[in-house]
């Protein structure tokens, strides 16, 4: 009789211990609905003293996908942020290095013509279990070179 009583207690203890764990797995995961896209951004505000007060045409290429846009420099400290969405093929992943070229012209004068390689970091605004998961790199103009943005390197941690 004692043996069957102990077995019953063991079964009850295992059932009580597993109950909350199973319930937690079955509970729906609460996710936010924030979106994102994989992109390389470039801050060219440092170019403002060369270009001001006129506008310039900037061509940003990432993995051979290019976009040209007009940039107007209103002040020496003005924001001039360019962005290029990453192509879906090849699929971006954390740590992937992508070629970036930037050319800025004002009329027939080339203000900047530079290239670099950017390293992608993962960004999951809703957490990695909810998605979406995106990849980005943030560069800033320093002299005539594009370098990783200090804010991007300090905020590379994930929620």
N, C-alpha and C. Protein backbone atom coordinates (compact mmCIF):
# COMPACT_ATOMS: atom_id res chain seq x y z
N UNK A 1 0.81 -1.19 0.00
CA UNK A 1 0.00 0.00 0.00
C UNK A 1 0.86 1.25 0.00
N UNK A 2 1.90 1.21 0.79
CA UNK A 2 2.80 2.35 0.88
C UNK A 2 3.43 2.66 -0.48
N UNK A 3 3.79 1.68 -1.25
CA UNK A 3 4.42 1.89 -2.56
C UNK A 3 3.49 2.62 -3.51
N UNK A 4 2.23 2.26 -3.55
CA UNK A 4 1.29 2.92 -4.45
C UNK A 4 1.00 4.34 -3.98
N UNK A 5 1.04 4.59 -2.67
CA UNK A 5 0.84 5.94 -2.16
C UNK A 5 1.99 6.85 -2.60
N UNK A 6 3.22 6.36 -2.52
CA UNK A 6 4.38 7.16 -2.95
C UNK A 6 4.32 7.46 -4.44
N UNK A 7 3.92 6.45 -5.20
CA UNK A 7 3.81 6.68 -6.64
C UNK A 7 2.78 7.77 -6.94
N UNK A 8 1.71 7.77 -6.23
CA UNK A 8 0.66 8.78 -6.41
C UNK A 8 1.17 10.17 -6.10
N UNK A 9 1.95 10.28 -4.99
CA UNK A 9 2.53 11.57 -4.63
C UNK A 9 3.52 12.05 -5.70
N UNK A 10 4.32 11.13 -6.22
CA UNK A 10 5.29 11.52 -7.26
C UNK A 10 4.55 12.02 -8.50
N UNK A 11 3.53 11.33 -8.89
CA UNK A 11 2.74 11.73 -10.05
C UNK A 11 2.09 13.09 -9.82
N UNK A 12 1.56 13.30 -8.61
CA UNK A 12 0.92 14.58 -8.30
C UNK A 12 1.95 15.71 -8.31
N UNK A 13 3.14 15.45 -7.76
CA UNK A 13 4.18 16.48 -7.72
C UNK A 13 4.64 16.83 -9.13
N UNK A 14 4.79 15.84 -9.98
CA UNK A 14 5.20 16.09 -11.36
C UNK A 14 4.10 16.87 -12.08
N UNK A 15 2.86 16.51 -11.90
CA UNK A 15 1.74 17.19 -12.55
C UNK A 15 1.65 18.64 -12.11
N UNK A 16 1.80 18.89 -10.80
CA UNK A 16 1.74 20.26 -10.29
C UNK A 16 2.91 21.07 -10.83
N UNK A 17 4.10 20.49 -10.92
CA UNK A 17 5.28 21.18 -11.42
C UNK A 17 5.19 21.51 -12.89
N UNK A 18 4.61 20.62 -13.69
CA UNK A 18 4.51 20.84 -15.13
C UNK A 18 3.33 21.72 -15.52
N UNK A 19 2.34 21.79 -14.68
CA UNK A 19 1.13 22.55 -15.01
C UNK A 19 1.41 23.98 -15.43
N UNK A 20 2.09 24.78 -14.59
CA UNK A 20 2.36 26.18 -14.98
C UNK A 20 3.22 26.28 -16.23
N UNK A 21 4.17 25.38 -16.39
CA UNK A 21 5.04 25.43 -17.57
C UNK A 21 4.24 25.18 -18.84
N UNK A 22 3.35 24.20 -18.81
CA UNK A 22 2.51 23.89 -19.98
C UNK A 22 1.56 25.05 -20.24
N UNK A 23 0.99 25.63 -19.18
CA UNK A 23 0.07 26.75 -19.35
C UNK A 23 0.78 27.94 -19.97
N UNK A 24 2.02 28.18 -19.56
CA UNK A 24 2.78 29.31 -20.11
C UNK A 24 3.05 29.11 -21.60
N UNK A 25 3.30 27.87 -22.00
CA UNK A 25 3.55 27.59 -23.42
C UNK A 25 2.30 27.76 -24.25
N UNK A 26 1.16 27.49 -23.67
CA UNK A 26 -0.09 27.56 -24.41
C UNK A 26 -0.64 28.98 -24.47
N UNK A 27 -0.18 29.88 -23.59
CA UNK A 27 -0.68 31.25 -23.57
C UNK A 27 -0.24 31.98 -24.83
N UNK A 28 -1.13 32.79 -25.43
CA UNK A 28 -0.75 33.53 -26.62
C UNK A 28 0.32 34.57 -26.28
N UNK A 29 1.24 34.77 -27.21
CA UNK A 29 2.33 35.72 -27.03
C UNK A 29 1.84 37.11 -27.40
N UNK A 30 1.97 38.06 -26.49
CA UNK A 30 1.54 39.43 -26.77
C UNK A 30 2.65 40.14 -27.53
N UNK A 31 2.36 40.52 -28.76
CA UNK A 31 3.35 41.20 -29.59
C UNK A 31 2.85 42.58 -29.95
N UNK A 32 3.76 43.53 -30.04
CA UNK A 32 3.41 44.84 -30.57
C UNK A 32 3.44 44.75 -32.09
N UNK A 33 2.95 45.76 -32.75
CA UNK A 33 2.85 45.70 -34.21
C UNK A 33 3.76 46.71 -34.90
N UNK A 34 4.91 46.99 -34.29
CA UNK A 34 5.85 47.93 -34.91
C UNK A 34 6.50 47.29 -36.13
N UNK A 35 6.62 48.04 -37.17
CA UNK A 35 7.25 47.54 -38.38
C UNK A 35 8.66 48.07 -38.53
N UNK A 36 9.38 47.56 -39.49
CA UNK A 36 10.72 48.04 -39.80
C UNK A 36 11.07 47.58 -41.21
N UNK A 37 12.14 48.14 -41.73
CA UNK A 37 12.66 47.66 -43.00
C UNK A 37 14.17 47.67 -42.93
N UNK A 38 14.78 46.83 -43.71
CA UNK A 38 16.23 46.74 -43.73
C UNK A 38 16.76 47.88 -44.60
N UNK A 39 17.66 48.69 -44.01
CA UNK A 39 18.10 49.90 -44.69
C UNK A 39 19.51 50.29 -44.26
N UNK A 40 20.20 50.97 -45.15
CA UNK A 40 21.47 51.62 -44.81
C UNK A 40 21.19 53.11 -44.86
N UNK A 41 21.51 53.81 -43.76
CA UNK A 41 21.32 55.26 -43.72
C UNK A 41 22.67 55.95 -43.63
N UNK A 42 22.73 57.15 -44.23
CA UNK A 42 23.97 57.92 -44.27
C UNK A 42 23.65 59.37 -43.91
N UNK A 43 24.34 59.87 -42.90
CA UNK A 43 24.19 61.27 -42.48
C UNK A 43 25.32 62.07 -43.13
N UNK A 44 24.95 63.00 -44.02
CA UNK A 44 25.96 63.80 -44.72
C UNK A 44 25.92 65.26 -44.27
N UNK A 45 25.43 65.55 -43.08
CA UNK A 45 25.34 66.92 -42.58
C UNK A 45 26.70 67.61 -42.58
N UNK A 46 27.78 66.86 -42.39
CA UNK A 46 29.13 67.45 -42.37
C UNK A 46 29.49 68.08 -43.72
N UNK A 47 28.75 67.76 -44.75
CA UNK A 47 29.02 68.32 -46.07
C UNK A 47 28.42 69.72 -46.23
N UNK A 48 27.58 70.13 -45.30
CA UNK A 48 26.85 71.40 -45.40
C UNK A 48 27.75 72.62 -45.65
N UNK A 49 28.87 72.79 -44.94
CA UNK A 49 29.69 73.99 -45.21
C UNK A 49 30.19 74.07 -46.65
N UNK A 50 30.41 72.94 -47.31
CA UNK A 50 30.86 72.94 -48.72
C UNK A 50 29.70 73.28 -49.66
N UNK A 51 28.50 72.87 -49.31
CA UNK A 51 27.37 72.94 -50.23
C UNK A 51 26.45 74.14 -49.99
N UNK A 52 26.43 74.66 -48.79
CA UNK A 52 25.48 75.69 -48.42
C UNK A 52 25.67 76.95 -49.26
N UNK A 53 24.64 77.66 -49.61
CA UNK A 53 23.23 77.45 -49.30
C UNK A 53 22.48 76.73 -50.40
N UNK A 54 23.19 76.21 -51.35
CA UNK A 54 22.54 75.57 -52.49
C UNK A 54 22.21 74.11 -52.22
N UNK A 55 21.45 73.56 -53.10
CA UNK A 55 21.14 72.14 -53.01
C UNK A 55 22.16 71.34 -53.83
N UNK A 56 22.15 70.06 -53.61
CA UNK A 56 23.05 69.16 -54.32
C UNK A 56 22.28 67.89 -54.65
N UNK A 57 22.80 67.12 -55.57
CA UNK A 57 22.21 65.83 -55.91
C UNK A 57 23.10 64.74 -55.31
N UNK A 58 22.48 63.86 -54.54
CA UNK A 58 23.23 62.78 -53.88
C UNK A 58 22.76 61.44 -54.42
N UNK A 59 23.71 60.61 -54.81
CA UNK A 59 23.40 59.26 -55.27
C UNK A 59 24.01 58.28 -54.27
N UNK A 60 23.14 57.51 -53.61
CA UNK A 60 23.56 56.52 -52.64
C UNK A 60 23.29 55.13 -53.22
N UNK A 61 24.34 54.31 -53.25
CA UNK A 61 24.21 52.95 -53.76
C UNK A 61 24.59 51.96 -52.67
N UNK A 62 23.74 50.95 -52.50
CA UNK A 62 23.99 49.86 -51.56
C UNK A 62 23.78 48.56 -52.32
N UNK A 63 24.78 47.72 -52.38
CA UNK A 63 24.72 46.46 -53.12
C UNK A 63 24.23 46.68 -54.55
N UNK A 64 24.73 47.70 -55.21
CA UNK A 64 24.40 48.01 -56.60
C UNK A 64 22.96 48.46 -56.81
N UNK A 65 22.24 48.77 -55.75
CA UNK A 65 20.91 49.38 -55.86
C UNK A 65 21.08 50.84 -55.50
N UNK A 66 20.76 51.73 -56.45
CA UNK A 66 21.04 53.15 -56.26
C UNK A 66 19.78 54.00 -56.23
N UNK A 67 19.91 55.11 -55.52
CA UNK A 67 18.83 56.09 -55.46
C UNK A 67 19.46 57.47 -55.47
N UNK A 68 18.93 58.36 -56.31
CA UNK A 68 19.41 59.74 -56.38
C UNK A 68 18.34 60.65 -55.84
N UNK A 69 18.76 61.60 -54.99
CA UNK A 69 17.78 62.54 -54.45
C UNK A 69 18.43 63.91 -54.26
N UNK A 70 17.58 64.93 -54.27
CA UNK A 70 18.04 66.30 -54.05
C UNK A 70 18.17 66.53 -52.55
N UNK A 71 19.28 67.13 -52.15
CA UNK A 71 19.53 67.46 -50.74
C UNK A 71 19.76 68.96 -50.66
N UNK A 72 19.05 69.63 -49.76
CA UNK A 72 19.23 71.06 -49.57
C UNK A 72 19.85 71.29 -48.20
N UNK A 73 20.95 72.00 -48.18
CA UNK A 73 21.65 72.31 -46.93
C UNK A 73 21.27 73.73 -46.53
N UNK A 74 20.45 73.86 -45.50
CA UNK A 74 19.97 75.17 -45.08
C UNK A 74 20.90 75.82 -44.06
N UNK A 75 21.54 75.04 -43.23
CA UNK A 75 22.46 75.56 -42.21
C UNK A 75 23.70 74.67 -42.17
N UNK A 76 24.72 75.15 -41.48
CA UNK A 76 25.95 74.35 -41.34
C UNK A 76 25.72 73.08 -40.54
N UNK A 77 24.73 73.11 -39.65
CA UNK A 77 24.47 71.94 -38.80
C UNK A 77 23.18 71.23 -39.22
N UNK A 78 22.75 71.44 -40.44
CA UNK A 78 21.49 70.87 -40.91
C UNK A 78 21.52 69.36 -41.00
N UNK A 79 20.35 68.79 -40.89
CA UNK A 79 20.24 67.34 -41.06
C UNK A 79 20.21 67.02 -42.55
N UNK A 80 20.97 66.08 -42.94
CA UNK A 80 20.97 65.61 -44.31
C UNK A 80 21.14 64.10 -44.24
N UNK A 81 20.02 63.43 -44.16
CA UNK A 81 20.03 61.98 -43.97
C UNK A 81 19.52 61.31 -45.24
N UNK A 82 20.32 60.39 -45.75
CA UNK A 82 19.95 59.60 -46.92
C UNK A 82 19.72 58.17 -46.48
N UNK A 83 18.86 57.48 -47.19
CA UNK A 83 18.62 56.07 -46.86
C UNK A 83 18.38 55.25 -48.10
N UNK A 84 18.83 54.01 -48.06
CA UNK A 84 18.63 53.09 -49.16
C UNK A 84 18.18 51.76 -48.60
N UNK A 85 17.00 51.30 -49.01
CA UNK A 85 16.49 50.01 -48.58
C UNK A 85 17.34 48.90 -49.17
N UNK A 86 17.61 47.90 -48.35
CA UNK A 86 18.42 46.76 -48.82
C UNK A 86 17.59 45.86 -49.73
N UNK A 87 18.18 45.37 -50.80
CA UNK A 87 17.46 44.42 -51.64
C UNK A 87 17.21 43.11 -50.89
N UNK A 88 16.16 42.40 -51.27
CA UNK A 88 15.82 41.13 -50.61
C UNK A 88 16.78 40.00 -50.95
N UNK A 89 17.50 40.16 -52.06
CA UNK A 89 18.42 39.10 -52.48
C UNK A 89 19.80 39.70 -52.71
N UNK A 90 20.82 39.30 -52.01
CA UNK A 90 20.80 38.22 -51.02
C UNK A 90 20.13 38.69 -49.73
N UNK A 91 19.52 37.72 -49.04
CA UNK A 91 18.80 38.02 -47.80
C UNK A 91 19.76 38.59 -46.77
N UNK A 92 19.44 39.78 -46.22
CA UNK A 92 20.32 40.38 -45.22
C UNK A 92 20.38 39.54 -43.94
N UNK A 93 21.54 39.52 -43.31
CA UNK A 93 21.74 38.86 -42.02
C UNK A 93 22.68 39.71 -41.18
N UNK A 94 22.61 39.55 -39.86
CA UNK A 94 23.49 40.29 -38.97
C UNK A 94 24.95 39.95 -39.29
N UNK A 95 25.77 40.97 -39.31
CA UNK A 95 27.19 40.78 -39.60
C UNK A 95 27.54 40.83 -41.07
N UNK A 96 26.53 40.79 -41.94
CA UNK A 96 26.77 40.85 -43.38
C UNK A 96 27.38 42.20 -43.74
N UNK A 97 28.37 42.18 -44.60
CA UNK A 97 29.00 43.41 -45.06
C UNK A 97 28.47 43.76 -46.44
N UNK A 98 28.04 45.01 -46.59
CA UNK A 98 27.46 45.46 -47.86
C UNK A 98 28.26 46.65 -48.38
N UNK A 99 28.51 46.67 -49.69
CA UNK A 99 29.22 47.81 -50.28
C UNK A 99 28.30 49.03 -50.37
N UNK A 100 28.87 50.20 -50.04
CA UNK A 100 28.13 51.45 -50.06
C UNK A 100 28.95 52.48 -50.83
N UNK A 101 28.32 53.14 -51.80
CA UNK A 101 28.99 54.25 -52.49
C UNK A 101 28.09 55.48 -52.40
N UNK A 102 28.71 56.63 -52.33
CA UNK A 102 27.98 57.88 -52.24
C UNK A 102 28.68 58.92 -53.10
N UNK A 103 27.91 59.56 -53.95
CA UNK A 103 28.44 60.64 -54.79
C UNK A 103 27.49 61.82 -54.65
N UNK A 104 28.06 62.98 -54.33
CA UNK A 104 27.27 64.20 -54.18
C UNK A 104 27.83 65.24 -55.14
N UNK A 105 26.97 65.76 -56.00
CA UNK A 105 27.38 66.77 -56.98
C UNK A 105 26.51 68.01 -56.85
N UNK A 106 27.14 69.14 -57.13
CA UNK A 106 26.43 70.43 -57.14
C UNK A 106 26.75 71.06 -58.48
N UNK A 107 25.78 70.99 -59.38
CA UNK A 107 26.03 71.41 -60.75
C UNK A 107 27.03 70.44 -61.38
N UNK A 108 28.16 70.97 -61.86
CA UNK A 108 29.19 70.10 -62.43
C UNK A 108 30.32 69.81 -61.44
N UNK A 109 30.19 70.32 -60.21
CA UNK A 109 31.24 70.13 -59.20
C UNK A 109 30.93 68.91 -58.34
N UNK A 110 31.89 68.00 -58.26
CA UNK A 110 31.75 66.83 -57.40
C UNK A 110 32.19 67.23 -55.99
N UNK A 111 31.24 67.24 -55.06
CA UNK A 111 31.55 67.59 -53.67
C UNK A 111 32.09 66.39 -52.89
N UNK A 112 31.63 65.20 -53.29
CA UNK A 112 32.03 64.00 -52.56
C UNK A 112 31.85 62.79 -53.46
N UNK A 113 32.81 61.89 -53.45
CA UNK A 113 32.71 60.62 -54.16
C UNK A 113 33.49 59.61 -53.31
N UNK A 114 32.76 58.79 -52.56
CA UNK A 114 33.40 57.90 -51.61
C UNK A 114 32.71 56.54 -51.58
N UNK A 115 33.43 55.58 -51.06
CA UNK A 115 32.86 54.23 -50.93
C UNK A 115 33.39 53.59 -49.66
N UNK A 116 32.60 52.66 -49.13
CA UNK A 116 32.99 51.93 -47.92
C UNK A 116 32.22 50.62 -47.88
N UNK A 117 32.44 49.89 -46.83
CA UNK A 117 31.67 48.67 -46.56
C UNK A 117 30.99 48.85 -45.21
N UNK A 118 29.70 48.59 -45.17
CA UNK A 118 28.93 48.72 -43.93
C UNK A 118 28.58 47.34 -43.40
N UNK A 119 28.61 47.19 -42.09
CA UNK A 119 28.26 45.92 -41.45
C UNK A 119 26.85 46.02 -40.88
N UNK A 120 25.99 45.09 -41.27
CA UNK A 120 24.60 45.11 -40.84
C UNK A 120 24.44 44.61 -39.41
N UNK A 121 23.54 45.26 -38.67
CA UNK A 121 23.16 44.81 -37.33
C UNK A 121 21.67 44.48 -37.34
N UNK A 122 21.30 43.56 -36.49
CA UNK A 122 19.90 43.12 -36.41
C UNK A 122 19.09 44.11 -35.58
N UNK A 123 17.86 44.34 -36.00
CA UNK A 123 16.92 45.18 -35.26
C UNK A 123 15.57 44.48 -35.25
N UNK A 124 15.04 44.22 -34.06
CA UNK A 124 13.75 43.55 -33.91
C UNK A 124 12.88 44.40 -33.00
N UNK A 125 12.09 45.33 -33.55
CA UNK A 125 11.34 46.27 -32.71
C UNK A 125 10.30 45.61 -31.80
N UNK A 126 9.86 44.42 -32.14
CA UNK A 126 8.86 43.72 -31.33
C UNK A 126 9.45 42.51 -30.60
N UNK A 127 10.77 42.40 -30.61
CA UNK A 127 11.42 41.22 -30.05
C UNK A 127 11.61 40.18 -31.14
N UNK A 128 12.56 39.30 -30.95
CA UNK A 128 12.90 38.34 -32.00
C UNK A 128 11.85 37.25 -32.18
N UNK A 129 11.00 37.00 -31.19
CA UNK A 129 9.98 35.96 -31.34
C UNK A 129 8.74 36.45 -32.07
N UNK A 130 8.56 37.76 -32.16
CA UNK A 130 7.34 38.29 -32.79
C UNK A 130 7.55 38.75 -34.23
N UNK A 131 8.74 39.21 -34.56
CA UNK A 131 8.98 39.74 -35.89
C UNK A 131 8.37 41.11 -36.04
N UNK A 132 8.65 41.84 -37.08
CA UNK A 132 9.65 41.49 -38.10
C UNK A 132 11.06 41.66 -37.56
N UNK A 133 11.99 41.05 -38.24
CA UNK A 133 13.41 41.23 -37.94
C UNK A 133 14.03 41.91 -39.15
N UNK A 134 14.68 43.03 -38.89
CA UNK A 134 15.29 43.81 -39.96
C UNK A 134 16.78 43.98 -39.68
N UNK A 135 17.48 44.46 -40.68
CA UNK A 135 18.92 44.64 -40.58
C UNK A 135 19.27 46.03 -41.10
N UNK A 136 20.19 46.69 -40.43
CA UNK A 136 20.52 48.05 -40.84
C UNK A 136 21.97 48.37 -40.55
N UNK A 137 22.40 49.45 -41.18
CA UNK A 137 23.71 50.04 -40.91
C UNK A 137 23.52 51.54 -40.98
N UNK A 138 24.21 52.24 -40.11
CA UNK A 138 24.10 53.68 -40.06
C UNK A 138 25.50 54.27 -40.18
N UNK A 139 25.67 55.11 -41.20
CA UNK A 139 26.98 55.71 -41.47
C UNK A 139 26.89 57.22 -41.34
N UNK A 140 28.03 57.84 -41.08
CA UNK A 140 28.09 59.29 -40.99
C UNK A 140 29.34 59.76 -41.75
N UNK A 141 29.22 60.93 -42.37
CA UNK A 141 30.34 61.48 -43.10
C UNK A 141 31.33 62.12 -42.13
N UNK A 142 32.57 61.71 -42.24
CA UNK A 142 33.66 62.25 -41.43
C UNK A 142 34.78 62.60 -42.38
N UNK A 143 35.00 63.90 -42.58
CA UNK A 143 35.95 64.32 -43.62
C UNK A 143 35.38 63.94 -44.96
N UNK A 144 36.12 63.16 -45.72
CA UNK A 144 35.64 62.67 -47.01
C UNK A 144 35.33 61.19 -46.97
N UNK A 145 35.17 60.63 -45.76
CA UNK A 145 34.93 59.19 -45.62
C UNK A 145 33.63 58.91 -44.88
N UNK A 146 33.04 57.78 -45.20
CA UNK A 146 31.87 57.31 -44.47
C UNK A 146 32.36 56.35 -43.38
N UNK A 147 31.92 56.59 -42.15
CA UNK A 147 32.31 55.75 -41.01
C UNK A 147 31.04 55.34 -40.26
N UNK A 148 31.11 54.24 -39.48
CA UNK A 148 29.93 53.84 -38.69
C UNK A 148 29.50 54.97 -37.75
N UNK A 149 28.22 55.20 -37.68
CA UNK A 149 27.68 56.24 -36.80
C UNK A 149 27.91 55.85 -35.35
N UNK A 150 28.38 56.77 -34.51
CA UNK A 150 28.57 56.45 -33.09
C UNK A 150 27.28 56.00 -32.41
N UNK A 151 26.14 56.57 -32.79
CA UNK A 151 24.88 56.17 -32.18
C UNK A 151 24.48 54.76 -32.59
N UNK A 152 24.85 54.35 -33.78
CA UNK A 152 24.52 52.98 -34.23
C UNK A 152 25.32 51.94 -33.49
N UNK A 153 26.57 52.24 -33.19
CA UNK A 153 27.39 51.24 -32.50
C UNK A 153 27.01 51.13 -31.03
N UNK A 154 26.46 52.20 -30.45
CA UNK A 154 26.08 52.13 -29.03
C UNK A 154 24.68 51.57 -28.85
N UNK A 155 23.86 51.53 -29.92
CA UNK A 155 22.48 51.04 -29.78
C UNK A 155 22.26 49.73 -30.51
N UNK A 156 23.30 48.95 -30.68
CA UNK A 156 23.17 47.70 -31.42
C UNK A 156 22.55 46.57 -30.59
N UNK A 157 22.29 46.80 -29.30
CA UNK A 157 21.65 45.76 -28.49
C UNK A 157 20.20 45.62 -28.86
N UNK A 158 19.65 44.46 -28.60
CA UNK A 158 18.29 44.15 -29.00
C UNK A 158 17.36 44.11 -27.81
N UNK A 159 16.04 44.42 -28.04
CA UNK A 159 15.07 44.30 -26.95
C UNK A 159 14.87 42.87 -26.55
